[in-house]
Amino acid sequence: MCLPERQFRGTEVTEKVVHVVKEYAGRLGISKLAPHDLRRSCARFCHDSGGELEQIQFLLGHVSVQTTEKYLGCKQRLRGAVNDRIGIEPGL
């Protein structure tokens, strides 16, 4: 599980992670890459591979699924949700 970034801000761990990411990015010829870019990419790959928002929410440590939606720039597909298979309609 990815740990929420806010738990490590301002610590030696953050500095070391930033250093390692920048070092390897430089070796690959990538001029601008931050740990947060990798976190966002991981979330996007999970979503694009069919991961459910609640799973990605847990992975990222978000309290609210709405935060995960904003993070990914998407919304849940309520019309294609599991409730459609069992005949429950969302209240509008």
Protein backbone atom coordinates (compact mmCIF):
# COMPACT_ATOMS: atom_id res chain seq x y z
CA MET A 1 0.00 0.00 0.00
CA CYS A 2 1.23 3.51 -0.81
CA LEU A 3 1.45 5.58 2.31
CA PRO A 4 -0.09 9.03 2.18
CA GLU A 5 2.55 11.56 1.28
CA ARG A 6 1.60 13.91 4.11
CA GLN A 7 2.95 11.43 6.70
CA PHE A 8 6.50 11.85 5.40
CA ARG A 9 6.74 15.53 4.50
CA GLY A 10 9.78 17.27 5.87
CA THR A 11 11.54 14.09 6.95
CA GLU A 12 14.78 12.46 5.92
CA VAL A 13 12.75 9.79 4.13
CA THR A 14 11.25 12.41 1.83
CA GLU A 15 14.65 13.85 1.02
CA LYS A 16 16.09 10.42 0.25
CA VAL A 17 13.16 9.42 -1.95
CA VAL A 18 13.36 12.71 -3.86
CA HIS A 19 17.11 12.20 -4.31
CA VAL A 20 16.72 8.63 -5.62
CA VAL A 21 13.90 9.57 -8.01
CA LYS A 22 15.82 12.54 -9.41
CA GLU A 23 19.02 10.50 -9.72
CA TYR A 24 17.38 7.71 -11.70
CA ALA A 25 15.31 10.15 -13.76
CA GLY A 26 18.54 11.91 -14.70
CA ARG A 27 20.10 8.61 -15.76
CA LEU A 28 17.11 8.06 -18.04
CA GLY A 29 17.32 11.58 -19.47
CA ILE A 30 14.13 12.78 -17.77
CA SER A 31 14.64 16.35 -16.63
CA LYS A 32 11.57 16.80 -14.44
CA LEU A 33 10.26 13.94 -12.33
CA ALA A 34 9.11 13.93 -8.72
CA PRO A 35 7.91 11.13 -6.41
CA HIS A 36 4.39 12.54 -6.66
CA ASP A 37 4.49 11.99 -10.44
CA LEU A 38 5.16 8.30 -9.79
CA ARG A 39 2.32 8.15 -7.26
CA ARG A 40 -0.10 9.71 -9.74
CA SER A 41 1.11 7.40 -12.53
CA CYS A 42 0.62 4.36 -10.32
CA ALA A 43 -2.95 5.46 -9.55
CA ARG A 44 -3.66 6.14 -13.24
CA PHE A 45 -2.27 2.73 -14.31
CA CYS A 46 -4.42 1.00 -11.69
CA HIS A 47 -7.50 2.89 -12.90
CA ASP A 48 -6.76 2.28 -16.60
CA SER A 49 -6.30 -1.43 -15.83
CA GLY A 50 -9.79 -1.65 -14.39
CA GLY A 51 -9.07 -1.02 -10.73
CA GLU A 52 -12.09 0.22 -8.84
CA LEU A 53 -12.02 3.70 -7.32
CA GLU A 54 -12.43 2.32 -3.80
CA GLN A 55 -9.35 0.11 -4.27
CA ILE A 56 -7.32 3.04 -5.57
CA GLN A 57 -8.65 5.21 -2.74
CA PHE A 58 -7.32 2.66 -0.24
CA LEU A 59 -4.00 2.36 -2.08
CA LEU A 60 -3.47 6.12 -1.97
CA GLY A 61 -4.72 6.52 1.60
CA HIS A 62 -7.49 8.95 0.69
CA VAL A 63 -10.25 9.34 3.27
CA SER A 64 -12.85 10.19 0.64
CA VAL A 65 -13.47 8.57 -2.75
CA GLN A 66 -14.22 12.08 -4.04
CA THR A 67 -10.58 12.99 -3.40
CA THR A 68 -9.52 10.00 -5.49
CA GLU A 69 -11.90 11.05 -8.27
CA LYS A 70 -10.37 14.54 -8.32
CA TYR A 71 -6.88 13.05 -8.19
CA LEU A 72 -7.56 10.90 -11.24
CA GLY A 73 -9.74 13.46 -12.99
CA CYS A 74 -12.65 11.06 -13.30
CA LYS A 75 -16.02 10.21 -11.82
CA GLN A 76 -17.51 6.88 -10.88
CA ARG A 77 -19.65 5.37 -13.60
CA LEU A 78 -22.80 4.98 -11.52
CA ARG A 79 -24.87 3.74 -14.46
CA GLY A 80 -22.37 0.91 -15.04
CA ALA A 81 -22.00 0.05 -11.39
CA VAL A 82 -22.73 -3.30 -9.77
CA ASN A 83 -26.11 -2.02 -8.56
CA ASP A 84 -27.27 -2.05 -12.21
CA ARG A 85 -26.81 -5.82 -12.32
CA ILE A 86 -29.13 -6.36 -9.38
CA GLY A 87 -31.77 -3.79 -10.34
CA ILE A 88 -31.12 -1.03 -7.80
CA GLU A 89 -31.38 2.50 -9.19
CA PRO A 90 -29.55 5.45 -7.60
CA GLY A 91 -31.87 8.09 -6.18
CA LEU A 92 -31.79 11.21 -8.30
